[in-house]
Amino acid sequence: MSQVFKTYLTLFLIFLGVLVLIGIITADIDVSNARDYKNYVIDQMENSNLSESVIKACETNAKSYNYNLETKSIKDDIGKIIAVEVLLKYNYSIILIDVLREHELRGYAR
């Protein structure tokens, strides 16, 4: 009887460990997707020559991916945009161990 209990306890702990690892891997995939999206947004802004309409479209589009995109235009003396600071906020979560935090990625489009 003791052997049966030990076997089921071992299987339960292995199953629990697998679920936690799945959560960690999922969170890592979410981080990778957020980094890719930030790089995509910066590429779009740079390819459009820092167009205001593209910047606004990127901010609107980020909401559909559950990201919060904040931009800050950096202008020269005559008012021309020379760079854009991009701040992407996303949720980092591992559900099984109740981790939910907001992370930020920062970059610059020039």
N, C-alpha and C. Protein backbone atom coordinates (compact mmCIF):
# COMPACT_ATOMS: atom_id res chain seq x y z
N MET A 1 0.82 -1.19 0.00
CA MET A 1 0.00 0.00 0.00
C MET A 1 0.87 1.26 0.00
N SER A 2 1.95 1.21 0.71
CA SER A 2 2.86 2.35 0.77
C SER A 2 3.47 2.64 -0.60
N GLN A 3 3.74 1.59 -1.34
CA GLN A 3 4.33 1.74 -2.68
C GLN A 3 3.36 2.43 -3.63
N VAL A 4 2.09 2.14 -3.55
CA VAL A 4 1.08 2.75 -4.40
C VAL A 4 1.00 4.24 -4.11
N PHE A 5 0.99 4.60 -2.83
CA PHE A 5 0.94 6.02 -2.45
C PHE A 5 2.16 6.77 -2.98
N LYS A 6 3.33 6.20 -2.84
CA LYS A 6 4.57 6.84 -3.32
C LYS A 6 4.55 7.01 -4.84
N THR A 7 4.03 6.02 -5.52
CA THR A 7 3.97 6.07 -6.98
C THR A 7 3.03 7.19 -7.45
N TYR A 8 1.84 7.27 -6.85
CA TYR A 8 0.91 8.33 -7.23
C TYR A 8 1.40 9.72 -6.83
N LEU A 9 2.07 9.81 -5.71
CA LEU A 9 2.64 11.09 -5.30
C LEU A 9 3.73 11.52 -6.27
N THR A 10 4.56 10.59 -6.69
CA THR A 10 5.61 10.89 -7.66
C THR A 10 5.01 11.34 -8.98
N LEU A 11 3.99 10.64 -9.45
CA LEU A 11 3.34 11.02 -10.71
C LEU A 11 2.69 12.40 -10.60
N PHE A 12 2.07 12.69 -9.45
CA PHE A 12 1.45 13.99 -9.25
C PHE A 12 2.50 15.10 -9.27
N LEU A 13 3.62 14.90 -8.61
CA LEU A 13 4.67 15.91 -8.57
C LEU A 13 5.30 16.11 -9.95
N ILE A 14 5.46 15.05 -10.70
CA ILE A 14 5.98 15.17 -12.07
C ILE A 14 4.99 15.95 -12.93
N PHE A 15 3.72 15.65 -12.81
CA PHE A 15 2.68 16.35 -13.56
C PHE A 15 2.66 17.84 -13.19
N LEU A 16 2.77 18.14 -11.91
CA LEU A 16 2.79 19.52 -11.45
C LEU A 16 4.01 20.26 -12.00
N GLY A 17 5.15 19.59 -11.99
CA GLY A 17 6.37 20.18 -12.55
C GLY A 17 6.24 20.46 -14.04
N VAL A 18 5.62 19.54 -14.76
CA VAL A 18 5.41 19.73 -16.20
C VAL A 18 4.50 20.93 -16.45
N LEU A 19 3.45 21.08 -15.65
CA LEU A 19 2.55 22.22 -15.82
C LEU A 19 3.26 23.55 -15.55
N VAL A 20 4.10 23.60 -14.52
CA VAL A 20 4.86 24.82 -14.23
C VAL A 20 5.82 25.13 -15.37
N LEU A 21 6.49 24.12 -15.88
CA LEU A 21 7.42 24.34 -17.01
C LEU A 21 6.68 24.80 -18.26
N ILE A 22 5.50 24.29 -18.51
CA ILE A 22 4.69 24.75 -19.64
C ILE A 22 4.36 26.22 -19.47
N GLY A 23 4.01 26.64 -18.26
CA GLY A 23 3.73 28.04 -17.99
C GLY A 23 4.93 28.92 -18.21
N ILE A 24 6.09 28.47 -17.80
CA ILE A 24 7.33 29.24 -18.00
C ILE A 24 7.66 29.36 -19.48
N ILE A 25 7.51 28.27 -20.21
CA ILE A 25 7.78 28.30 -21.65
C ILE A 25 6.80 29.23 -22.37
N THR A 26 5.54 29.19 -21.97
CA THR A 26 4.53 30.08 -22.56
C THR A 26 4.87 31.54 -22.29
N ALA A 27 5.29 31.84 -21.06
CA ALA A 27 5.68 33.22 -20.73
C ALA A 27 6.88 33.66 -21.55
N ASP A 28 7.83 32.75 -21.77
CA ASP A 28 9.00 33.08 -22.57
C ASP A 28 8.61 33.33 -24.03
N ILE A 29 7.66 32.59 -24.54
CA ILE A 29 7.17 32.82 -25.90
C ILE A 29 6.50 34.19 -25.99
N ASP A 30 5.74 34.56 -24.96
CA ASP A 30 5.10 35.87 -24.94
C ASP A 30 6.15 37.00 -24.95
N VAL A 31 7.23 36.83 -24.21
CA VAL A 31 8.31 37.83 -24.20
C VAL A 31 8.94 37.92 -25.58
N SER A 32 9.18 36.80 -26.20
CA SER A 32 9.78 36.78 -27.54
C SER A 32 8.86 37.46 -28.56
N ASN A 33 7.56 37.22 -28.45
CA ASN A 33 6.61 37.87 -29.36
C ASN A 33 6.58 39.37 -29.15
N ALA A 34 6.66 39.81 -27.90
CA ALA A 34 6.67 41.24 -27.61
C ALA A 34 7.94 41.90 -28.18
N ARG A 35 9.07 41.24 -28.05
CA ARG A 35 10.32 41.78 -28.62
C ARG A 35 10.22 41.87 -30.14
N ASP A 36 9.68 40.84 -30.75
CA ASP A 36 9.52 40.85 -32.21
C ASP A 36 8.58 41.97 -32.64
N TYR A 37 7.49 42.18 -31.89
CA TYR A 37 6.55 43.24 -32.24
C TYR A 37 7.19 44.61 -32.09
N LYS A 38 7.97 44.81 -31.04
CA LYS A 38 8.66 46.09 -30.86
C LYS A 38 9.61 46.35 -32.02
N ASN A 39 10.36 45.34 -32.44
CA ASN A 39 11.26 45.50 -33.57
C ASN A 39 10.49 45.78 -34.87
N TYR A 40 9.34 45.13 -35.02
CA TYR A 40 8.49 45.36 -36.19
C TYR A 40 8.00 46.81 -36.22
N VAL A 41 7.56 47.31 -35.06
CA VAL A 41 7.06 48.69 -34.98
C VAL A 41 8.18 49.67 -35.32
N ILE A 42 9.36 49.44 -34.79
CA ILE A 42 10.49 50.33 -35.08
C ILE A 42 10.84 50.29 -36.56
N ASP A 43 10.82 49.12 -37.15
CA ASP A 43 11.08 49.00 -38.60
C ASP A 43 10.03 49.76 -39.41
N GLN A 44 8.77 49.63 -39.02
CA GLN A 44 7.70 50.34 -39.73
C GLN A 44 7.90 51.85 -39.65
N MET A 45 8.24 52.33 -38.48
CA MET A 45 8.45 53.77 -38.31
C MET A 45 9.65 54.26 -39.11
N GLU A 46 10.73 53.50 -39.08
CA GLU A 46 11.93 53.91 -39.83
C GLU A 46 11.68 53.86 -41.33
N ASN A 47 10.95 52.84 -41.80
CA ASN A 47 10.67 52.73 -43.23
C ASN A 47 9.73 53.81 -43.73
N SER A 48 8.91 54.36 -42.84
CA SER A 48 8.00 55.43 -43.25
C SER A 48 8.62 56.81 -43.04
N ASN A 49 9.87 56.84 -42.66
CA ASN A 49 10.59 58.10 -42.41
C ASN A 49 9.94 58.86 -41.25
N LEU A 50 9.55 58.10 -40.21
CA LEU A 50 8.97 58.63 -38.98
C LEU A 50 7.69 59.42 -39.22
N SER A 51 6.84 58.89 -40.08
CA SER A 51 5.57 59.53 -40.41
C SER A 51 4.62 59.49 -39.21
N GLU A 52 3.95 60.61 -38.97
CA GLU A 52 3.01 60.70 -37.85
C GLU A 52 1.86 59.70 -38.01
N SER A 53 1.38 59.51 -39.23
CA SER A 53 0.25 58.59 -39.44
C SER A 53 0.65 57.14 -39.14
N VAL A 54 1.85 56.78 -39.49
CA VAL A 54 2.32 55.42 -39.21
C VAL A 54 2.52 55.23 -37.71
N ILE A 55 3.02 56.24 -37.04
CA ILE A 55 3.20 56.15 -35.59
C ILE A 55 1.85 55.95 -34.90
N LYS A 56 0.85 56.71 -35.31
CA LYS A 56 -0.49 56.57 -34.73
C LYS A 56 -1.10 55.21 -35.07
N ALA A 57 -0.87 54.73 -36.29
CA ALA A 57 -1.39 53.43 -36.68
C ALA A 57 -0.75 52.31 -35.86
N CYS A 58 0.53 52.44 -35.59
CA CYS A 58 1.22 51.44 -34.76
C CYS A 58 0.67 51.43 -33.34
N GLU A 59 0.40 52.61 -32.80
CA GLU A 59 -0.17 52.69 -31.45
C GLU A 59 -1.55 52.03 -31.40
N THR A 60 -2.35 52.26 -32.44
CA THR A 60 -3.69 51.67 -32.49
C THR A 60 -3.61 50.16 -32.69
N ASN A 61 -2.71 49.72 -33.55
CA ASN A 61 -2.56 48.30 -33.85
C ASN A 61 -2.07 47.50 -32.65
N ALA A 62 -1.28 48.12 -31.79
CA ALA A 62 -0.73 47.42 -30.62
C ALA A 62 -1.83 46.95 -29.68
N LYS A 63 -2.91 47.69 -29.62
CA LYS A 63 -4.03 47.32 -28.74
C LYS A 63 -4.65 45.99 -29.15
N SER A 64 -4.63 45.67 -30.43
CA SER A 64 -5.20 44.41 -30.89
C SER A 64 -4.36 43.21 -30.44
N TYR A 65 -3.11 43.45 -30.08
CA TYR A 65 -2.23 42.39 -29.56
C TYR A 65 -2.11 42.44 -28.03
N ASN A 66 -2.96 43.22 -27.39
CA ASN A 66 -2.94 43.41 -25.94
C ASN A 66 -1.64 44.02 -25.43
N TYR A 67 -1.07 44.89 -26.24
CA TYR A 67 0.12 45.65 -25.85
C TYR A 67 -0.28 47.10 -25.66
N ASN A 68 0.48 47.80 -24.86
CA ASN A 68 0.30 49.23 -24.71
C ASN A 68 1.56 49.89 -25.27
N LEU A 69 1.40 50.59 -26.38
CA LEU A 69 2.53 51.22 -27.06
C LEU A 69 2.48 52.71 -26.82
N GLU A 70 3.55 53.23 -26.24
CA GLU A 70 3.68 54.67 -26.02
C GLU A 70 4.85 55.17 -26.85
N THR A 71 4.65 56.29 -27.50
CA THR A 71 5.72 56.87 -28.31
C THR A 71 5.97 58.30 -27.87
N LYS A 72 7.19 58.71 -28.03
CA LYS A 72 7.57 60.09 -27.72
C LYS A 72 8.47 60.57 -28.87
N SER A 73 7.98 61.57 -29.58
CA SER A 73 8.74 62.10 -30.71
C SER A 73 9.85 63.02 -30.21
N ILE A 74 11.02 62.86 -30.78
CA ILE A 74 12.16 63.71 -30.47
C ILE A 74 12.39 64.59 -31.70
N LYS A 75 12.30 65.91 -31.50
CA LYS A 75 12.35 66.85 -32.62
C LYS A 75 13.62 67.70 -32.55
N ASP A 76 14.01 68.20 -33.72
CA ASP A 76 15.16 69.10 -33.77
C ASP A 76 14.69 70.55 -33.59
N ASP A 77 15.57 71.50 -33.85
CA ASP A 77 15.26 72.91 -33.61
C ASP A 77 14.14 73.46 -34.49
N ILE A 78 13.99 72.89 -35.68
CA ILE A 78 12.96 73.41 -36.58
C ILE A 78 11.64 72.63 -36.49
N GLY A 79 11.57 71.66 -35.58
CA GLY A 79 10.34 70.92 -35.37
C GLY A 79 10.21 69.63 -36.16
N LYS A 80 11.25 69.23 -36.85
CA LYS A 80 11.22 67.98 -37.61
C LYS A 80 11.53 66.81 -36.68
N ILE A 81 10.77 65.73 -36.82
CA ILE A 81 10.99 64.54 -35.99
C ILE A 81 12.28 63.86 -36.45
N ILE A 82 13.23 63.71 -35.54
CA ILE A 82 14.49 63.04 -35.88
C ILE A 82 14.59 61.65 -35.27
N ALA A 83 13.76 61.38 -34.27
CA ALA A 83 13.74 60.05 -33.64
C ALA A 83 12.43 59.90 -32.88
N VAL A 84 12.10 58.64 -32.62
CA VAL A 84 10.90 58.33 -31.84
C VAL A 84 11.29 57.30 -30.79
N GLU A 85 11.00 57.63 -29.54
CA GLU A 85 11.21 56.67 -28.45
C GLU A 85 9.98 55.79 -28.37
N VAL A 86 10.19 54.49 -28.38
CA VAL A 86 9.10 53.51 -28.37
C VAL A 86 9.15 52.76 -27.05
N LEU A 87 8.02 52.75 -26.34
CA LEU A 87 7.90 52.03 -25.08
C LEU A 87 6.74 51.06 -25.21
N LEU A 88 7.04 49.77 -25.20
CA LEU A 88 6.02 48.73 -25.34
C LEU A 88 5.82 48.05 -24.00
N LYS A 89 4.60 48.11 -23.49
CA LYS A 89 4.27 47.46 -22.22
C LYS A 89 3.42 46.23 -22.52
N TYR A 90 3.77 45.13 -21.85
CA TYR A 90 3.03 43.89 -22.06
C TYR A 90 2.95 43.14 -20.74
N ASN A 91 2.01 42.22 -20.65
CA ASN A 91 1.82 41.43 -19.43
C ASN A 91 2.66 40.16 -19.49
N TYR A 92 3.36 39.91 -18.40
CA TYR A 92 4.15 38.69 -18.23
C TYR A 92 3.40 37.85 -17.20
N SER A 93 2.94 36.68 -17.61
CA SER A 93 2.14 35.89 -16.67
C SER A 93 2.49 34.41 -16.75
N ILE A 94 2.55 33.83 -15.55
CA ILE A 94 2.63 32.37 -15.40
C ILE A 94 1.44 32.03 -14.51
N ILE A 95 0.41 31.48 -15.10
CA ILE A 95 -0.88 31.35 -14.44
C ILE A 95 -0.83 30.39 -13.25
N LEU A 96 -0.18 29.26 -13.40
CA LEU A 96 -0.23 28.23 -12.37
C LEU A 96 0.41 28.69 -11.06
N ILE A 97 1.46 29.50 -11.13
CA ILE A 97 2.10 29.97 -9.90
C ILE A 97 1.73 31.41 -9.59
N ASP A 98 0.69 31.92 -10.25
CA ASP A 98 0.08 33.22 -9.97
C ASP A 98 1.08 34.37 -10.09
N VAL A 99 1.77 34.43 -11.22
CA VAL A 99 2.67 35.54 -11.51
C VAL A 99 2.03 36.37 -12.62
N LEU A 100 1.80 37.64 -12.34
CA LEU A 100 1.26 38.56 -13.33
C LEU A 100 1.93 39.91 -13.12
N ARG A 101 2.79 40.27 -14.06
CA ARG A 101 3.53 41.53 -13.97
C ARG A 101 3.51 42.21 -15.32
N GLU A 102 3.64 43.53 -15.27
CA GLU A 102 3.74 44.30 -16.50
C GLU A 102 5.22 44.58 -16.78
N HIS A 103 5.67 44.18 -17.93
CA HIS A 103 7.04 44.41 -18.34
C HIS A 103 7.07 45.47 -19.44
N GLU A 104 8.24 46.07 -19.64
CA GLU A 104 8.40 47.12 -20.64
C GLU A 104 9.60 46.81 -21.53
N LEU A 105 9.45 47.16 -22.79
CA LEU A 105 10.55 47.11 -23.75
C LEU A 105 10.69 48.52 -24.33
N ARG A 106 11.91 48.99 -24.43
CA ARG A 106 12.16 50.34 -24.93
C ARG A 106 13.10 50.27 -26.13
N GLY A 107 12.81 51.11 -27.10
CA GLY A 107 13.65 51.19 -28.28
C GLY A 107 13.53 52.55 -28.94
N TYR A 108 14.34 52.79 -29.95
CA TYR A 108 14.34 54.08 -30.63
C TYR A 108 14.30 53.84 -32.13
N ALA A 109 13.42 54.58 -32.81
CA ALA A 109 13.36 54.59 -34.27
C ALA A 109 14.03 55.88 -34.71
N ARG A 110 14.98 55.75 -35.66
CA ARG A 110 15.72 56.93 -36.13
C ARG A 110 15.61 57.09 -37.61
